[in-house]
Amino acid sequence: MDGIETLEKDHDRIRSLFCELEGTADPQKLQDSFDKLGNILTIHAEAEEQVLYPEARNCEGITELIDQGYQEHDKGDQMVLAIKSISPNESEFKEKVRELQEFMLSHLDEEENELFPRVRQSMNDKKLEQLGTQLKETKADVAHKVID
């Protein structure tokens, strides 16, 4: 699986977790799904920041998209931290999750429609495969830190 496919698979998982959150009112299920979502968002963002963004800087016309990606990851992190301080029993919890969902889905769409096609166009298949390997390794390293 190449690097872009790896990241798109993460995006699918993120969307799925948002659907799980939308589809339940059970506080424990909300908490469990949100914990999973927070972990995957952290792991995914770290992998992009450590692997994709530095590699993509070599691609023409991508610098602005990468800078925007860093800013959006920071904002997403802040939103996740804010939600962690709210009990899933409170109505504000689902309201803040919806705000996070709207923000993150917009970010994912931007990456898939603007950044990823440019990266794919600028890198050959071998480089994309190497990118996929690096992303998987980085995600595994970050996961050990996040989940432990």
N, C-alpha and C. Protein backbone atom coordinates (compact mmCIF):
# COMPACT_ATOMS: atom_id res chain seq x y z
N MET A 1 0.85 -1.18 0.00
CA MET A 1 0.00 0.00 0.00
C MET A 1 0.90 1.24 0.00
N ASP A 2 0.63 2.17 -0.92
CA ASP A 2 1.48 3.36 -0.95
C ASP A 2 1.05 4.35 0.14
N GLY A 3 1.85 5.40 0.29
CA GLY A 3 1.62 6.35 1.37
C GLY A 3 0.27 7.04 1.32
N ILE A 4 -0.15 7.41 0.14
CA ILE A 4 -1.44 8.10 0.01
C ILE A 4 -2.58 7.14 0.37
N GLU A 5 -2.49 5.90 -0.09
CA GLU A 5 -3.52 4.90 0.25
C GLU A 5 -3.57 4.67 1.76
N THR A 6 -2.42 4.64 2.40
CA THR A 6 -2.35 4.46 3.85
C THR A 6 -3.09 5.58 4.56
N LEU A 7 -2.84 6.81 4.15
CA LEU A 7 -3.48 7.96 4.78
C LEU A 7 -4.98 8.01 4.48
N GLU A 8 -5.36 7.63 3.27
CA GLU A 8 -6.79 7.60 2.93
C GLU A 8 -7.53 6.54 3.75
N LYS A 9 -6.85 5.44 4.05
CA LYS A 9 -7.45 4.41 4.90
C LYS A 9 -7.70 4.97 6.30
N ASP A 10 -6.74 5.75 6.80
CA ASP A 10 -6.95 6.43 8.09
C ASP A 10 -8.15 7.36 8.02
N HIS A 11 -8.25 8.09 6.94
CA HIS A 11 -9.38 9.02 6.77
C HIS A 11 -10.71 8.27 6.83
N ASP A 12 -10.77 7.11 6.20
CA ASP A 12 -11.99 6.30 6.23
C ASP A 12 -12.31 5.88 7.66
N ARG A 13 -11.30 5.50 8.41
CA ARG A 13 -11.49 5.09 9.81
C ARG A 13 -11.98 6.27 10.65
N ILE A 14 -11.43 7.44 10.42
CA ILE A 14 -11.85 8.64 11.14
C ILE A 14 -13.32 8.94 10.85
N ARG A 15 -13.70 8.87 9.58
CA ARG A 15 -15.10 9.10 9.22
C ARG A 15 -16.02 8.07 9.89
N SER A 16 -15.58 6.84 9.92
CA SER A 16 -16.36 5.77 10.54
C SER A 16 -16.57 6.03 12.04
N LEU A 17 -15.52 6.49 12.71
CA LEU A 17 -15.65 6.77 14.14
C LEU A 17 -16.59 7.95 14.39
N PHE A 18 -16.56 8.93 13.52
CA PHE A 18 -17.52 10.03 13.66
C PHE A 18 -18.95 9.51 13.50
N CYS A 19 -19.16 8.58 12.58
CA CYS A 19 -20.49 7.97 12.41
C CYS A 19 -20.92 7.22 13.67
N GLU A 20 -19.97 6.49 14.26
CA GLU A 20 -20.27 5.79 15.52
C GLU A 20 -20.71 6.78 16.60
N LEU A 21 -20.00 7.88 16.69
CA LEU A 21 -20.32 8.89 17.69
C LEU A 21 -21.70 9.50 17.44
N GLU A 22 -22.01 9.74 16.18
CA GLU A 22 -23.33 10.29 15.83
C GLU A 22 -24.44 9.31 16.15
N GLY A 23 -24.14 8.02 16.02
CA GLY A 23 -25.18 7.00 16.10
C GLY A 23 -25.49 6.47 17.47
N THR A 24 -24.90 7.06 18.52
CA THR A 24 -25.19 6.55 19.86
C THR A 24 -25.42 7.68 20.84
N ALA A 25 -26.20 7.38 21.86
CA ALA A 25 -26.41 8.31 22.96
C ALA A 25 -25.85 7.72 24.25
N ASP A 26 -25.42 6.45 24.18
CA ASP A 26 -24.90 5.77 25.36
C ASP A 26 -23.57 6.42 25.78
N PRO A 27 -23.50 6.96 27.01
CA PRO A 27 -22.28 7.66 27.44
C PRO A 27 -21.01 6.82 27.35
N GLN A 28 -21.10 5.54 27.68
CA GLN A 28 -19.90 4.70 27.63
C GLN A 28 -19.44 4.48 26.19
N LYS A 29 -20.40 4.24 25.30
CA LYS A 29 -20.04 4.09 23.88
C LYS A 29 -19.48 5.38 23.31
N LEU A 30 -20.06 6.51 23.71
CA LEU A 30 -19.55 7.81 23.28
C LEU A 30 -18.09 7.98 23.72
N GLN A 31 -17.84 7.66 24.99
CA GLN A 31 -16.48 7.81 25.52
C GLN A 31 -15.51 6.88 24.81
N ASP A 32 -15.90 5.63 24.63
CA ASP A 32 -15.01 4.66 23.97
C ASP A 32 -14.70 5.08 22.53
N SER A 33 -15.73 5.46 21.79
CA SER A 33 -15.52 5.88 20.40
C SER A 33 -14.69 7.16 20.32
N PHE A 34 -14.94 8.08 21.25
CA PHE A 34 -14.16 9.32 21.24
C PHE A 34 -12.70 9.05 21.59
N ASP A 35 -12.46 8.14 22.53
CA ASP A 35 -11.08 7.79 22.88
C ASP A 35 -10.35 7.21 21.67
N LYS A 36 -11.03 6.31 20.95
CA LYS A 36 -10.44 5.74 19.72
C LYS A 36 -10.16 6.83 18.70
N LEU A 37 -11.13 7.72 18.53
CA LEU A 37 -10.99 8.81 17.57
C LEU A 37 -9.81 9.71 17.94
N GLY A 38 -9.73 10.08 19.20
CA GLY A 38 -8.62 10.93 19.65
C GLY A 38 -7.28 10.29 19.37
N ASN A 39 -7.19 8.97 19.64
CA ASN A 39 -5.93 8.25 19.39
C ASN A 39 -5.58 8.23 17.90
N ILE A 40 -6.54 7.89 17.06
CA ILE A 40 -6.23 7.80 15.62
C ILE A 40 -5.91 9.17 15.05
N LEU A 41 -6.59 10.22 15.51
CA LEU A 41 -6.27 11.56 15.04
C LEU A 41 -4.84 11.95 15.40
N THR A 42 -4.43 11.63 16.62
CA THR A 42 -3.07 11.95 17.06
C THR A 42 -2.04 11.17 16.26
N ILE A 43 -2.27 9.88 16.11
CA ILE A 43 -1.33 9.02 15.38
C ILE A 43 -1.23 9.45 13.92
N HIS A 44 -2.37 9.70 13.32
CA HIS A 44 -2.42 10.10 11.91
C HIS A 44 -1.72 11.45 11.70
N ALA A 45 -2.02 12.42 12.55
CA ALA A 45 -1.43 13.75 12.40
C ALA A 45 0.09 13.69 12.58
N GLU A 46 0.54 12.94 13.57
CA GLU A 46 1.99 12.81 13.80
C GLU A 46 2.68 12.17 12.59
N ALA A 47 2.07 11.16 12.02
CA ALA A 47 2.66 10.50 10.85
C ALA A 47 2.73 11.47 9.67
N GLU A 48 1.68 12.23 9.47
CA GLU A 48 1.72 13.21 8.38
C GLU A 48 2.81 14.25 8.63
N GLU A 49 2.90 14.73 9.86
CA GLU A 49 3.86 15.78 10.18
C GLU A 49 5.31 15.29 10.15
N GLN A 50 5.53 14.04 10.54
CA GLN A 50 6.90 13.51 10.57
C GLN A 50 7.36 12.95 9.23
N VAL A 51 6.41 12.47 8.41
CA VAL A 51 6.79 11.78 7.17
C VAL A 51 6.28 12.51 5.93
N LEU A 52 4.97 12.64 5.81
CA LEU A 52 4.40 13.19 4.57
C LEU A 52 4.81 14.64 4.33
N TYR A 53 4.57 15.50 5.32
CA TYR A 53 4.81 16.92 5.09
C TYR A 53 6.26 17.23 4.74
N PRO A 54 7.25 16.67 5.46
CA PRO A 54 8.64 16.95 5.05
C PRO A 54 8.95 16.45 3.62
N GLU A 55 8.44 15.29 3.26
CA GLU A 55 8.66 14.76 1.91
C GLU A 55 7.93 15.59 0.86
N ALA A 56 6.73 16.02 1.19
CA ALA A 56 5.91 16.75 0.23
C ALA A 56 6.42 18.17 -0.02
N ARG A 57 7.21 18.70 0.90
CA ARG A 57 7.77 20.05 0.71
C ARG A 57 8.59 20.13 -0.57
N ASN A 58 9.09 18.97 -1.04
CA ASN A 58 9.87 18.94 -2.28
C ASN A 58 8.98 19.04 -3.52
N CYS A 59 7.68 18.88 -3.34
CA CYS A 59 6.75 18.93 -4.46
C CYS A 59 6.39 20.40 -4.74
N GLU A 60 6.28 20.71 -6.00
CA GLU A 60 6.02 22.10 -6.40
C GLU A 60 4.62 22.56 -5.98
N GLY A 61 4.55 23.77 -5.44
CA GLY A 61 3.27 24.41 -5.13
C GLY A 61 2.52 23.84 -3.95
N ILE A 62 3.22 23.17 -3.04
CA ILE A 62 2.53 22.48 -1.94
C ILE A 62 2.79 23.14 -0.58
N THR A 63 3.75 24.03 -0.50
CA THR A 63 4.16 24.61 0.78
C THR A 63 2.99 25.20 1.55
N GLU A 64 2.15 25.96 0.88
CA GLU A 64 1.01 26.59 1.55
C GLU A 64 0.03 25.55 2.11
N LEU A 65 -0.20 24.49 1.35
CA LEU A 65 -1.09 23.42 1.83
C LEU A 65 -0.51 22.73 3.06
N ILE A 66 0.80 22.55 3.07
CA ILE A 66 1.44 21.90 4.21
C ILE A 66 1.37 22.80 5.45
N ASP A 67 1.67 24.07 5.27
CA ASP A 67 1.57 25.01 6.40
C ASP A 67 0.15 25.03 6.96
N GLN A 68 -0.82 25.00 6.08
CA GLN A 68 -2.22 24.95 6.50
C GLN A 68 -2.51 23.65 7.25
N GLY A 69 -1.93 22.55 6.77
CA GLY A 69 -2.12 21.25 7.44
C GLY A 69 -1.61 21.28 8.87
N TYR A 70 -0.43 21.84 9.08
CA TYR A 70 0.10 21.96 10.45
C TYR A 70 -0.85 22.75 11.34
N GLN A 71 -1.34 23.88 10.83
CA GLN A 71 -2.25 24.72 11.60
C GLN A 71 -3.55 23.98 11.93
N GLU A 72 -4.06 23.25 10.96
CA GLU A 72 -5.31 22.52 11.18
C GLU A 72 -5.11 21.37 12.16
N HIS A 73 -3.97 20.72 12.12
CA HIS A 73 -3.68 19.67 13.11
C HIS A 73 -3.65 20.27 14.51
N ASP A 74 -3.00 21.43 14.65
CA ASP A 74 -2.95 22.08 15.97
C ASP A 74 -4.34 22.42 16.47
N LYS A 75 -5.17 22.97 15.59
CA LYS A 75 -6.54 23.31 15.99
C LYS A 75 -7.32 22.05 16.35
N GLY A 76 -7.16 20.99 15.57
CA GLY A 76 -7.83 19.72 15.88
C GLY A 76 -7.40 19.18 17.23
N ASP A 77 -6.10 19.25 17.52
CA ASP A 77 -5.59 18.80 18.83
C ASP A 77 -6.23 19.59 19.96
N GLN A 78 -6.34 20.90 19.79
CA GLN A 78 -6.95 21.75 20.81
C GLN A 78 -8.43 21.38 21.01
N MET A 79 -9.11 21.09 19.92
CA MET A 79 -10.52 20.73 20.02
C MET A 79 -10.69 19.40 20.75
N VAL A 80 -9.82 18.42 20.43
CA VAL A 80 -9.88 17.12 21.11
C VAL A 80 -9.62 17.29 22.60
N LEU A 81 -8.61 18.08 22.96
CA LEU A 81 -8.32 18.31 24.38
C LEU A 81 -9.50 18.94 25.10
N ALA A 82 -10.16 19.89 24.45
CA ALA A 82 -11.32 20.54 25.06
C ALA A 82 -12.45 19.53 25.29
N ILE A 83 -12.66 18.64 24.35
CA ILE A 83 -13.73 17.65 24.48
C ILE A 83 -13.40 16.65 25.59
N LYS A 84 -12.13 16.32 25.76
CA LYS A 84 -11.74 15.37 26.81
C LYS A 84 -12.13 15.85 28.20
N SER A 85 -12.29 17.16 28.36
CA SER A 85 -12.65 17.71 29.68
C SER A 85 -14.16 17.73 29.92
N ILE A 86 -14.92 17.25 28.94
CA ILE A 86 -16.38 17.26 29.04
C ILE A 86 -16.88 15.83 29.21
N SER A 87 -17.79 15.63 30.14
CA SER A 87 -18.39 14.31 30.34
C SER A 87 -19.31 13.97 29.17
N PRO A 88 -19.27 12.70 28.71
CA PRO A 88 -20.19 12.32 27.63
C PRO A 88 -21.66 12.36 28.05
N ASN A 89 -21.91 12.52 29.34
CA ASN A 89 -23.28 12.66 29.83
C ASN A 89 -23.84 14.06 29.56
N GLU A 90 -22.96 15.01 29.29
CA GLU A 90 -23.39 16.39 29.07
C GLU A 90 -23.74 16.60 27.59
N SER A 91 -24.78 17.41 27.35
CA SER A 91 -25.19 17.68 25.97
C SER A 91 -24.08 18.40 25.20
N GLU A 92 -23.26 19.15 25.89
CA GLU A 92 -22.16 19.88 25.26
C GLU A 92 -21.17 18.94 24.59
N PHE A 93 -21.05 17.72 25.11
CA PHE A 93 -20.11 16.75 24.56
C PHE A 93 -20.40 16.49 23.08
N LYS A 94 -21.63 16.11 22.78
CA LYS A 94 -21.99 15.81 21.38
C LYS A 94 -21.94 17.06 20.51
N GLU A 95 -22.25 18.19 21.08
CA GLU A 95 -22.18 19.45 20.34
C GLU A 95 -20.73 19.73 19.93
N LYS A 96 -19.80 19.56 20.84
CA LYS A 96 -18.38 19.80 20.55
C LYS A 96 -17.83 18.74 19.60
N VAL A 97 -18.30 17.50 19.71
CA VAL A 97 -17.87 16.45 18.78
C VAL A 97 -18.36 16.80 17.37
N ARG A 98 -19.57 17.34 17.25
CA ARG A 98 -20.07 17.74 15.93
C ARG A 98 -19.21 18.86 15.33
N GLU A 99 -18.78 19.80 16.17
CA GLU A 99 -17.90 20.87 15.69
C GLU A 99 -16.56 20.29 15.22
N LEU A 100 -16.03 19.35 16.00
CA LEU A 100 -14.78 18.69 15.61
C LEU A 100 -14.98 17.93 14.31
N GLN A 101 -16.09 17.24 14.18
CA GLN A 101 -16.38 16.48 12.97
C GLN A 101 -16.42 17.40 11.75
N GLU A 102 -17.13 18.49 11.85
CA GLU A 102 -17.24 19.42 10.73
C GLU A 102 -15.85 19.93 10.35
N PHE A 103 -15.06 20.30 11.34
CA PHE A 103 -13.72 20.82 11.09
C PHE A 103 -12.82 19.75 10.46
N MET A 104 -12.82 18.55 11.05
CA MET A 104 -11.91 17.50 10.58
C MET A 104 -12.32 16.98 9.21
N LEU A 105 -13.60 16.84 8.94
CA LEU A 105 -14.03 16.36 7.63
C LEU A 105 -13.64 17.35 6.53
N SER A 106 -13.69 18.63 6.85
CA SER A 106 -13.23 19.64 5.90
C SER A 106 -11.73 19.48 5.65
N HIS A 107 -10.97 19.25 6.71
CA HIS A 107 -9.52 19.04 6.60
C HIS A 107 -9.22 17.79 5.76
N LEU A 108 -9.91 16.71 6.03
CA LEU A 108 -9.68 15.47 5.27
C LEU A 108 -10.01 15.67 3.80
N ASP A 109 -11.10 16.34 3.52
CA ASP A 109 -11.48 16.60 2.12
C ASP A 109 -10.43 17.45 1.41
N GLU A 110 -9.90 18.45 2.09
CA GLU A 110 -8.85 19.29 1.49
C GLU A 110 -7.62 18.45 1.15
N GLU A 111 -7.24 17.60 2.08
CA GLU A 111 -6.08 16.75 1.81
C GLU A 111 -6.33 15.83 0.62
N GLU A 112 -7.49 15.19 0.62
CA GLU A 112 -7.80 14.23 -0.44
C GLU A 112 -7.98 14.89 -1.81
N ASN A 113 -8.49 16.11 -1.83
CA ASN A 113 -8.77 16.78 -3.09
C ASN A 113 -7.66 17.70 -3.59
N GLU A 114 -6.80 18.16 -2.68
CA GLU A 114 -5.76 19.10 -3.08
C GLU A 114 -4.35 18.56 -2.84
N LEU A 115 -4.05 18.19 -1.60
CA LEU A 115 -2.70 17.78 -1.26
C LEU A 115 -2.32 16.42 -1.85
N PHE A 116 -3.12 15.41 -1.59
CA PHE A 116 -2.77 14.05 -2.02
C PHE A 116 -2.59 13.94 -3.54
N PRO A 117 -3.49 14.52 -4.34
CA PRO A 117 -3.27 14.41 -5.80
C PRO A 117 -1.95 15.05 -6.25
N ARG A 118 -1.58 16.15 -5.63
CA ARG A 118 -0.32 16.81 -6.00
C ARG A 118 0.89 15.97 -5.60
N VAL A 119 0.80 15.36 -4.40
CA VAL A 119 1.89 14.49 -3.96
C VAL A 119 2.00 13.29 -4.89
N ARG A 120 0.87 12.69 -5.20
CA ARG A 120 0.86 11.51 -6.08
C ARG A 120 1.44 11.86 -7.46
N GLN A 121 1.12 13.03 -7.96
CA GLN A 121 1.61 13.47 -9.27
C GLN A 121 3.12 13.73 -9.24
N SER A 122 3.63 14.17 -8.09
CA SER A 122 5.04 14.57 -7.99
C SER A 122 5.98 13.42 -7.64
N MET A 123 5.43 12.30 -7.15
CA MET A 123 6.28 11.18 -6.71
C MET A 123 6.03 9.97 -7.59
N ASN A 124 7.11 9.22 -7.86
CA ASN A 124 6.94 7.98 -8.62
C ASN A 124 6.43 6.88 -7.69
N ASP A 125 6.06 5.76 -8.28
CA ASP A 125 5.47 4.65 -7.51
C ASP A 125 6.40 4.16 -6.41
N LYS A 126 7.69 4.06 -6.71
CA LYS A 126 8.66 3.58 -5.72
C LYS A 126 8.70 4.52 -4.51
N LYS A 127 8.72 5.81 -4.76
CA LYS A 127 8.76 6.79 -3.67
C LYS A 127 7.47 6.73 -2.86
N LEU A 128 6.34 6.56 -3.52
CA LEU A 128 5.06 6.45 -2.81
C LEU A 128 5.02 5.20 -1.93
N GLU A 129 5.60 4.10 -2.42
CA GLU A 129 5.68 2.87 -1.61
C GLU A 129 6.59 3.08 -0.40
N GLN A 130 7.72 3.75 -0.60
CA GLN A 130 8.63 4.06 0.51
C GLN A 130 7.93 4.95 1.54
N LEU A 131 7.16 5.89 1.04
CA LEU A 131 6.40 6.77 1.91
C LEU A 131 5.41 5.96 2.76
N GLY A 132 4.76 4.98 2.12
CA GLY A 132 3.83 4.11 2.85
C GLY A 132 4.52 3.34 3.95
N THR A 133 5.70 2.81 3.68
CA THR A 133 6.46 2.07 4.69
C THR A 133 6.84 2.98 5.85
N GLN A 134 7.33 4.17 5.52
CA GLN A 134 7.71 5.13 6.56
C GLN A 134 6.51 5.53 7.42
N LEU A 135 5.38 5.75 6.77
CA LEU A 135 4.17 6.14 7.51
C LEU A 135 3.74 5.03 8.47
N LYS A 136 3.76 3.79 8.00
CA LYS A 136 3.37 2.66 8.86
C LYS A 136 4.29 2.55 10.06
N GLU A 137 5.60 2.69 9.84
CA GLU A 137 6.56 2.61 10.94
C GLU A 137 6.35 3.74 11.94
N THR A 138 6.15 4.93 11.44
CA THR A 138 5.94 6.09 12.31
C THR A 138 4.65 5.95 13.09
N LYS A 139 3.59 5.50 12.41
CA LYS A 139 2.32 5.31 13.10
C LYS A 139 2.46 4.29 14.23
N ALA A 140 3.21 3.21 13.99
CA ALA A 140 3.42 2.19 15.02
C ALA A 140 4.18 2.77 16.20
N ASP A 141 5.22 3.56 15.93
CA ASP A 141 5.99 4.19 17.01
C ASP A 141 5.12 5.15 17.84
N VAL A 142 4.35 5.98 17.15
CA VAL A 142 3.51 6.95 17.83
C VAL A 142 2.41 6.23 18.61
N ALA A 143 1.86 5.18 18.05
CA ALA A 143 0.79 4.43 18.72
C ALA A 143 1.24 3.88 20.07
N HIS A 144 2.48 3.40 20.12
CA HIS A 144 3.00 2.89 21.39
C HIS A 144 3.05 3.99 22.45
N LYS A 145 3.37 5.20 22.05
CA LYS A 145 3.44 6.33 22.98
C LYS A 145 2.05 6.81 23.38
N VAL A 146 1.14 6.82 22.42
CA VAL A 146 -0.21 7.35 22.67
C VAL A 146 -1.04 6.37 23.50
N ILE A 147 -0.95 5.11 23.18
CA ILE A 147 -1.84 4.12 23.80
C ILE A 147 -1.29 3.59 25.12
N ASP A 148 0.02 3.60 25.29
CA ASP A 148 0.61 3.12 26.56
C ASP A 148 0.37 4.05 27.71
